[in-house]
Amino acid sequence: MRTLTAILALGLASVSLAEKVTTPLPIGIAVAQTSNTALLGQEQVIGARFAEKYINARGGVNGTPIRLVFQDTGGDEAGAINAFQNLITKDKVVGIVGPTLSQQAFSADPIADRAKVPVLGPSNTAKGIPQIGPFIARVSAPVSVVAPNAVRTALRLDPKIKKVAVLYAQNDAFSTSETGTFQQTAKDQGLNVLTVQKFLTTDSDFTTQVTAVLNADVDLVIVSGLANDGGNLVKQLRQLGYKGSIIGGNGMNTSNMFPVCQQFCDGIIIAQAYSPAQPSANNQLFVKEYSAQYKKAPPQFAAQAFTAVQVYVDALKVIDRKKKLAEWELADLRVELNTQILAGKYNTPLGVISFDKDGEVQQKDFYVAQIKMKDAKTGTFVFLK
């Protein structure tokens, strides 16, 4: 039989095992810093780091600073799983921003959901991401909402377009989701999809796919891939003689692609969920300070990463006003934070956003840009009206 002393000791042990929230408040950033996906993840790292500096300069969470904890997901599922596990169990974060790819999210997000740790996807636009579980949300609008804008804009710029080729990375969940939307939009617009070609995100030689496109004699090529493979595919299309219009998917929505396809990037049309010209006062202040630090306007992936961090901070401010964060146990705060994220409305660089009951972002404004190259390595996204 246990003595009273032993029982009390056990009780004290259980209390001491309860994990309290630490300060500065740790928020996890699990994005791709290495691999071919790093061309996207690098912009997310910059956006998140800028958010940390920007928010802490304005008092953090009601006077308590935040601390971003970075874990590199690489470009595969295993890297994302490892990053999430470290952030949850080792770094004790209150929530996670990430991962970079939808393919990774389908593997890593369930780990956070089972641990009841909120996740905000900064660039996960494939169908089904918020439905992974109640602790999964995203600030990246679904491809079904964004992608059709690019097709409609291409037709406005060139009404003679009738024949289409579609190419997509078959080993990437986002690209396979996006191409379905692109193909359906093309059909809805009365276009003829004459060839559908698959490739891998690890490919560098696209001769077979380009030959099929040229033989089909199409007016428009739609590419769903990542910055490196997509950029090389565009380059080879132009080098081998394709002269028609090109639409790139969200995975190619980064200036880091410019050194890949070089002058052949010129003219690519890409739908966007963010524009530096978004007129809200919050965005214009963000653009001003970001541009002063980095000497260029913020790109979409940086703006979305910034927004994800901001959503966490704004939700934590509301919670802190009800009960000081230092009084919370970590597990309880994570649950409360998830509830507050879904309940709130946020004035962000993307405009005013909120979330539905599944964690799907509710966003009003979307854009389409066209790449204009200045030389072989530098260019800009010109937003179209």
Protein backbone atom coordinates (compact mmCIF):
# COMPACT_ATOMS: atom_id res chain seq x y z
CA MET A 1 0.00 0.00 0.00
CA ARG A 2 1.26 3.44 -0.89
CA THR A 3 1.87 5.86 1.96
CA LEU A 4 0.36 9.33 2.00
CA THR A 5 3.80 10.75 1.38
CA ALA A 6 4.18 8.58 -1.70
CA ILE A 7 0.78 9.62 -3.01
CA LEU A 8 1.56 13.29 -2.48
CA ALA A 9 4.88 12.81 -4.20
CA LEU A 10 3.11 11.29 -7.20
CA GLY A 11 0.71 14.21 -7.24
CA LEU A 12 3.54 16.71 -7.20
CA ALA A 13 5.27 14.79 -9.96
CA SER A 14 2.16 14.99 -12.13
CA VAL A 15 1.93 18.73 -11.55
CA SER A 16 5.58 19.24 -12.40
CA LEU A 17 5.09 17.32 -15.66
CA ALA A 18 2.45 19.81 -16.83
CA GLU A 19 4.14 21.93 -19.47
CA LYS A 20 3.69 25.65 -19.06
CA VAL A 21 3.85 28.13 -21.91
CA THR A 22 7.33 29.60 -22.24
CA THR A 23 8.35 33.12 -23.19
CA PRO A 24 9.17 34.48 -25.64
CA LEU A 25 6.17 32.68 -27.16
CA PRO A 26 7.47 29.96 -29.52
CA ILE A 27 5.79 29.62 -32.93
CA GLY A 28 7.04 26.91 -35.27
CA ILE A 29 8.00 27.57 -38.90
CA ALA A 30 8.29 24.30 -40.84
CA VAL A 31 9.17 25.15 -44.44
CA ALA A 32 11.61 24.00 -47.10
CA GLN A 33 15.03 25.55 -46.66
CA THR A 34 16.82 22.93 -48.76
CA SER A 35 15.98 20.72 -51.80
CA ASN A 36 14.38 21.87 -55.04
CA THR A 37 11.46 23.18 -52.99
CA ALA A 38 13.72 25.73 -51.30
CA LEU A 39 13.06 28.21 -54.12
CA LEU A 40 9.61 28.60 -52.56
CA GLY A 41 10.60 28.04 -48.94
CA GLN A 42 13.27 30.73 -48.98
CA GLU A 43 10.63 33.38 -49.55
CA GLN A 44 8.56 31.94 -46.71
CA VAL A 45 11.53 32.10 -44.36
CA ILE A 46 12.07 35.75 -45.26
CA GLY A 47 8.38 36.55 -44.77
CA ALA A 48 8.28 34.84 -41.39
CA ARG A 49 11.50 36.43 -40.12
CA PHE A 50 10.22 39.81 -41.21
CA ALA A 51 6.97 39.15 -39.33
CA GLU A 52 8.90 38.32 -36.15
CA LYS A 53 10.84 41.59 -36.34
CA TYR A 54 7.81 43.64 -37.39
CA ILE A 55 5.50 42.25 -34.68
CA ASN A 56 8.00 42.36 -31.82
CA ALA A 57 8.82 45.97 -32.68
CA ARG A 58 5.15 46.69 -32.05
CA GLY A 59 4.98 44.96 -28.69
CA GLY A 60 4.54 41.33 -29.66
CA VAL A 61 1.54 39.78 -27.92
CA ASN A 62 0.38 42.54 -25.57
CA GLY A 63 3.96 43.12 -24.46
CA THR A 64 5.20 39.53 -24.67
CA PRO A 65 7.60 38.89 -27.58
CA ILE A 66 7.26 35.98 -29.98
CA ARG A 67 10.10 33.68 -30.99
CA LEU A 68 10.02 31.80 -34.28
CA VAL A 69 11.50 28.31 -34.23
CA PHE A 70 12.58 27.13 -37.69
CA GLN A 71 12.72 23.53 -38.84
CA ASP A 72 13.75 22.60 -42.38
CA THR A 73 11.22 20.29 -44.04
CA GLY A 74 13.26 19.74 -47.19
CA GLY A 75 11.16 18.75 -50.17
CA ASP A 76 9.69 15.41 -49.13
CA GLU A 77 7.19 13.94 -46.71
CA ALA A 78 9.80 12.51 -44.34
CA GLY A 79 11.41 15.92 -43.88
CA ALA A 80 8.06 17.52 -43.05
CA ILE A 81 7.14 14.77 -40.59
CA ASN A 82 10.47 15.12 -38.79
CA ALA A 83 10.14 18.92 -38.64
CA PHE A 84 6.63 18.74 -37.20
CA GLN A 85 7.62 16.16 -34.59
CA ASN A 86 10.55 18.27 -33.42
CA LEU A 87 8.46 21.43 -33.18
CA ILE A 88 5.70 19.70 -31.23
CA THR A 89 7.68 17.58 -28.77
CA LYS A 90 11.10 19.22 -28.55
CA ASP A 91 10.54 22.91 -29.23
CA LYS A 92 7.12 23.04 -27.51
CA VAL A 93 5.64 25.54 -29.97
CA VAL A 94 2.12 26.88 -29.55
CA GLY A 95 1.38 26.38 -33.26
CA ILE A 96 3.02 25.66 -36.61
CA VAL A 97 3.25 27.55 -39.91
CA GLY A 98 3.91 25.06 -42.69
CA PRO A 99 4.76 22.97 -44.55
CA THR A 100 5.68 24.38 -47.97
CA LEU A 101 4.09 21.68 -50.16
CA SER A 102 0.60 20.20 -50.11
CA GLN A 103 2.25 16.81 -50.69
CA GLN A 104 4.04 17.25 -47.36
CA ALA A 105 0.93 18.55 -45.60
CA PHE A 106 -1.03 15.36 -46.26
CA SER A 107 1.66 13.45 -44.34
CA ALA A 108 2.72 15.91 -41.62
CA ASP A 109 -0.53 17.70 -40.76
CA PRO A 110 -2.19 14.58 -39.26
CA ILE A 111 0.66 14.40 -36.71
CA ALA A 112 -0.11 17.91 -35.48
CA ASP A 113 -3.84 17.26 -35.58
CA ARG A 114 -3.51 14.17 -33.37
CA ALA A 115 -1.35 16.17 -30.94
CA LYS A 116 -3.93 19.00 -30.96
CA VAL A 117 -1.43 21.56 -32.22
CA PRO A 118 -2.83 24.20 -34.61
CA VAL A 119 -1.36 24.40 -38.10
CA LEU A 120 -1.64 27.26 -40.60
CA GLY A 121 -0.65 26.26 -44.12
CA PRO A 122 1.12 29.16 -45.85
CA SER A 123 1.13 27.65 -49.35
CA ASN A 124 -0.92 24.44 -49.25
CA THR A 125 -3.59 24.98 -51.89
CA ALA A 126 -4.53 21.42 -52.90
CA LYS A 127 -8.06 20.18 -52.42
CA GLY A 128 -8.70 18.62 -49.02
CA ILE A 129 -6.03 20.29 -46.87
CA PRO A 130 -8.34 21.92 -44.25
CA GLN A 131 -10.35 18.70 -44.08
CA ILE A 132 -7.34 16.78 -42.73
CA GLY A 133 -8.52 17.59 -39.23
CA PRO A 134 -9.96 20.23 -36.88
CA PHE A 135 -6.53 21.68 -36.03
CA ILE A 136 -5.59 22.30 -39.68
CA ALA A 137 -6.27 25.62 -41.42
CA ARG A 138 -4.61 27.59 -44.21
CA VAL A 139 -4.02 31.20 -45.23
CA SER A 140 -3.37 30.09 -48.81
CA ALA A 141 -6.52 30.21 -50.92
CA PRO A 142 -7.42 26.92 -52.64
CA VAL A 143 -6.27 26.36 -56.19
CA SER A 144 -9.89 25.97 -57.29
CA VAL A 145 -10.43 29.66 -56.47
CA VAL A 146 -7.17 31.15 -57.76
CA ALA A 147 -6.14 29.16 -60.85
CA PRO A 148 -9.18 29.89 -63.10
CA ASN A 149 -8.30 33.61 -63.05
CA ALA A 150 -5.12 32.91 -65.03
CA VAL A 151 -7.00 31.12 -67.81
CA ARG A 152 -9.60 33.86 -68.11
CA THR A 153 -6.85 36.50 -68.26
CA ALA A 154 -4.94 34.61 -70.96
CA LEU A 155 -8.11 34.53 -73.08
CA ARG A 156 -8.65 38.24 -72.55
CA LEU A 157 -5.09 38.98 -73.68
CA ASP A 158 -5.42 36.69 -76.70
CA PRO A 159 -9.03 35.88 -77.70
CA LYS A 160 -7.76 33.67 -80.56
CA ILE A 161 -6.65 30.94 -78.13
CA LYS A 162 -8.51 27.69 -78.89
CA LYS A 163 -6.08 24.79 -78.44
CA VAL A 164 -4.41 23.94 -75.13
CA ALA A 165 -1.66 21.67 -73.83
CA VAL A 166 -1.54 20.84 -70.12
CA LEU A 167 1.60 19.63 -68.33
CA TYR A 168 1.88 18.72 -64.66
CA ALA A 169 4.16 17.11 -62.05
CA GLN A 170 2.53 13.78 -61.31
CA ASN A 171 4.50 13.21 -58.09
CA ASP A 172 3.28 16.40 -56.39
CA ALA A 173 -0.16 16.55 -54.73
CA PHE A 174 -0.55 20.27 -55.33
CA SER A 175 0.29 20.01 -59.04
CA THR A 176 -2.11 17.12 -59.60
CA SER A 177 -4.85 19.05 -57.81
CA GLU A 178 -4.10 22.25 -59.69
CA THR A 179 -4.03 20.62 -63.13
CA GLY A 180 -7.52 19.22 -62.53
CA THR A 181 -8.77 22.76 -61.95
CA PHE A 182 -6.90 24.09 -64.97
CA GLN A 183 -8.25 21.35 -67.24
CA GLN A 184 -11.82 21.86 -66.08
CA THR A 185 -11.53 25.64 -66.48
CA ALA A 186 -10.19 25.23 -70.02
CA LYS A 187 -13.16 23.03 -70.93
CA ASP A 188 -15.59 25.45 -69.28
CA GLN A 189 -14.14 28.24 -71.42
CA GLY A 190 -14.75 26.21 -74.59
CA LEU A 191 -11.07 25.38 -75.20
CA ASN A 192 -9.81 22.11 -76.66
CA VAL A 193 -7.28 20.30 -74.46
CA LEU A 194 -5.30 18.45 -77.14
CA THR A 195 -2.55 16.90 -75.01
CA VAL A 196 -1.93 16.24 -71.31
CA GLN A 197 1.69 15.50 -70.40
CA LYS A 198 3.12 14.30 -67.09
CA PHE A 199 6.57 14.86 -65.61
CA LEU A 200 8.36 14.64 -62.26
CA THR A 201 9.55 17.49 -60.06
CA THR A 202 13.01 15.89 -60.25
CA ASP A 203 13.12 15.94 -64.08
CA SER A 204 15.48 18.17 -66.02
CA ASP A 205 14.96 16.89 -69.58
CA PHE A 206 11.51 17.60 -71.02
CA THR A 207 12.13 16.73 -74.68
CA THR A 208 9.29 14.18 -74.81
CA GLN A 209 6.74 16.56 -73.32
CA VAL A 210 7.83 19.52 -75.44
CA THR A 211 7.72 17.44 -78.61
CA ALA A 212 4.13 16.43 -77.83
CA VAL A 213 3.20 20.09 -77.31
CA LEU A 214 4.79 21.18 -80.59
CA ASN A 215 3.12 18.35 -82.50
CA ALA A 216 -0.27 19.37 -81.10
CA ASP A 217 0.26 22.92 -82.43
CA VAL A 218 -1.45 24.55 -79.45
CA ASP A 219 -2.05 28.22 -78.65
CA LEU A 220 -1.71 27.94 -74.88
CA VAL A 221 0.44 25.81 -72.56
CA ILE A 222 -0.52 25.42 -68.88
CA VAL A 223 2.22 24.17 -66.54
CA SER A 224 1.66 22.92 -62.99
CA GLY A 225 5.00 22.23 -61.32
CA LEU A 226 7.53 23.77 -58.96
CA ALA A 227 9.93 26.61 -59.65
CA ASN A 228 12.92 24.52 -60.73
CA ASP A 229 11.24 21.90 -62.91
CA GLY A 230 8.59 24.33 -64.14
CA GLY A 231 11.22 26.92 -65.01
CA ASN A 232 13.30 24.40 -66.94
CA LEU A 233 10.22 23.16 -68.77
CA VAL A 234 9.33 26.69 -69.89
CA LYS A 235 12.91 27.28 -70.98
CA GLN A 236 12.95 24.16 -73.13
CA LEU A 237 9.54 24.97 -74.61
CA ARG A 238 10.83 28.32 -75.84
CA GLN A 239 14.22 27.00 -76.95
CA LEU A 240 12.57 24.32 -79.10
CA GLY A 241 10.28 26.80 -80.81
CA TYR A 242 7.01 27.18 -78.93
CA LYS A 243 5.77 30.77 -79.39
CA GLY A 244 2.29 30.74 -77.84
CA SER A 245 1.00 31.81 -74.44
CA ILE A 246 2.11 30.12 -71.21
CA ILE A 247 0.32 29.92 -67.86
CA GLY A 248 2.29 28.88 -64.80
CA GLY A 249 0.77 27.44 -61.65
CA ASN A 250 1.24 28.60 -58.09
CA GLY A 251 4.38 26.50 -57.67
CA MET A 252 6.07 28.82 -60.18
CA ASN A 253 4.91 31.94 -58.41
CA THR A 254 8.34 33.14 -57.28
CA SER A 255 11.10 35.39 -58.58
CA ASN A 256 13.52 32.60 -57.62
CA MET A 257 12.41 30.96 -60.86
CA PHE A 258 13.87 33.77 -62.98
CA PRO A 259 17.47 32.47 -62.96
CA VAL A 260 16.12 29.06 -63.99
CA CYS A 261 14.19 29.96 -67.15
CA GLN A 262 16.03 33.29 -67.59
CA GLN A 263 14.78 35.42 -70.48
CA PHE A 264 12.37 32.64 -71.44
CA CYS A 265 10.30 33.45 -68.31
CA ASP A 266 9.10 36.58 -70.09
CA GLY A 267 5.35 36.64 -70.65
CA ILE A 268 4.33 33.81 -68.29
CA ILE A 269 0.92 34.46 -66.75
CA ILE A 270 0.40 33.46 -63.10
CA ALA A 271 -2.64 33.96 -60.87
CA GLN A 272 -1.83 35.37 -57.45
CA ALA A 273 -3.45 35.51 -54.03
CA TYR A 274 -1.49 38.63 -53.10
CA SER A 275 -0.50 41.94 -54.65
CA PRO A 276 1.71 44.67 -53.18
CA ALA A 277 -0.91 47.06 -54.57
CA GLN A 278 -3.62 45.69 -52.26
CA PRO A 279 -4.92 49.03 -50.96
CA SER A 280 -5.46 48.38 -47.24
CA ALA A 281 -3.44 50.50 -44.82
CA ASN A 282 -2.06 47.34 -43.18
CA ASN A 283 -0.69 46.04 -46.46
CA GLN A 284 0.76 49.36 -47.53
CA LEU A 285 2.68 49.65 -44.26
CA PHE A 286 3.88 46.06 -44.70
CA VAL A 287 5.02 46.81 -48.26
CA LYS A 288 6.78 50.00 -47.22
CA GLU A 289 8.81 48.39 -44.44
CA TYR A 290 9.49 45.15 -46.33
CA SER A 291 10.68 47.07 -49.39
CA ALA A 292 12.91 49.29 -47.26
CA GLN A 293 14.63 46.22 -45.81
CA TYR A 294 14.83 43.94 -48.86
CA LYS A 295 14.92 46.54 -51.67
CA LYS A 296 12.02 44.91 -53.52
CA ALA A 297 8.28 44.46 -53.12
CA PRO A 298 7.15 41.45 -51.10
CA PRO A 299 6.25 38.35 -53.14
CA GLN A 300 3.19 36.22 -52.49
CA PHE A 301 4.91 33.45 -50.50
CA ALA A 302 6.53 35.98 -48.16
CA ALA A 303 3.22 37.80 -47.67
CA GLN A 304 1.39 34.56 -46.89
CA ALA A 305 4.03 33.47 -44.37
CA PHE A 306 3.85 36.89 -42.73
CA THR A 307 0.06 36.60 -42.62
CA ALA A 308 0.20 33.18 -40.95
CA VAL A 309 2.44 34.51 -38.17
CA GLN A 310 0.20 37.56 -37.78
CA VAL A 311 -2.91 35.38 -37.41
CA TYR A 312 -1.27 33.48 -34.55
CA VAL A 313 -0.28 36.73 -32.83
CA ASP A 314 -3.68 38.39 -33.25
CA ALA A 315 -5.42 35.29 -31.87
CA LEU A 316 -3.00 35.10 -28.93
CA LYS A 317 -3.70 38.75 -28.12
CA VAL A 318 -7.40 37.98 -27.73
CA ILE A 319 -6.68 34.99 -25.49
CA ASP A 320 -4.19 36.96 -23.38
CA ARG A 321 -6.76 39.66 -22.68
CA LYS A 322 -9.05 37.02 -21.20
CA LYS A 323 -6.39 35.12 -19.27
CA LYS A 324 -2.69 35.89 -19.19
CA LEU A 325 -0.71 33.53 -21.39
CA ALA A 326 1.77 32.79 -18.59
CA GLU A 327 -1.08 31.16 -16.66
CA TRP A 328 -1.87 28.63 -19.39
CA GLU A 329 -0.64 25.10 -19.69
CA LEU A 330 0.73 24.49 -23.17
CA ALA A 331 -1.74 21.77 -24.17
CA ASP A 332 -4.72 23.88 -23.13
CA LEU A 333 -3.39 26.97 -24.87
CA ARG A 334 -2.91 25.09 -28.13
CA VAL A 335 -6.57 24.03 -28.07
CA GLU A 336 -7.78 27.51 -27.15
CA LEU A 337 -5.55 29.05 -29.83
CA ASN A 338 -7.03 26.82 -32.50
CA THR A 339 -10.55 27.80 -31.43
CA GLN A 340 -9.71 31.50 -31.47
CA ILE A 341 -8.03 31.32 -34.91
CA LEU A 342 -11.23 29.96 -36.45
CA ALA A 343 -13.37 32.54 -34.63
CA GLY A 344 -11.40 35.64 -35.55
CA LYS A 345 -11.20 38.13 -38.41
CA TYR A 346 -7.78 39.44 -39.41
CA ASN A 347 -6.65 42.57 -41.25
CA THR A 348 -3.58 41.26 -43.08
CA PRO A 349 -1.45 42.02 -46.15
CA LEU A 350 -3.84 39.70 -48.05
CA GLY A 351 -6.72 41.94 -47.03
CA VAL A 352 -9.33 41.07 -44.41
CA ILE A 353 -9.44 37.31 -43.99
CA SER A 354 -11.27 34.82 -41.78
CA PHE A 355 -11.79 31.06 -41.70
CA ASP A 356 -14.77 28.80 -42.14
CA LYS A 357 -15.53 25.95 -39.73
CA ASP A 358 -13.14 23.63 -41.61
CA GLY A 359 -10.23 26.09 -41.48
CA GLU A 360 -10.55 27.23 -45.09
CA VAL A 361 -9.41 30.82 -45.58
CA GLN A 362 -12.07 33.33 -46.59
CA GLN A 363 -10.42 35.93 -48.80
CA LYS A 364 -11.92 38.51 -51.13
CA ASP A 365 -9.19 39.83 -53.43
CA PHE A 366 -7.22 37.90 -56.07
CA TYR A 367 -4.92 38.97 -58.90
CA VAL A 368 -3.14 37.92 -62.07
CA ALA A 369 0.41 38.92 -62.95
CA GLN A 370 2.63 38.54 -65.98
CA ILE A 371 6.39 38.11 -65.79
CA LYS A 372 8.48 40.79 -67.46
CA MET A 373 12.19 40.01 -67.63
CA LYS A 374 14.73 42.85 -67.55
CA ASP A 375 17.67 40.64 -68.46
CA ALA A 376 18.68 36.97 -68.25
CA LYS A 377 18.36 36.78 -64.46
CA THR A 378 16.19 39.61 -63.18
CA GLY A 379 12.56 40.43 -63.78
CA THR A 380 9.35 41.37 -62.09
CA PHE A 381 5.69 40.39 -61.78
CA VAL A 382 3.54 43.01 -63.48
CA PHE A 383 -0.01 42.89 -62.15
CA LEU A 384 -2.70 43.01 -64.82
CA LYS A 385 -5.99 44.85 -64.49
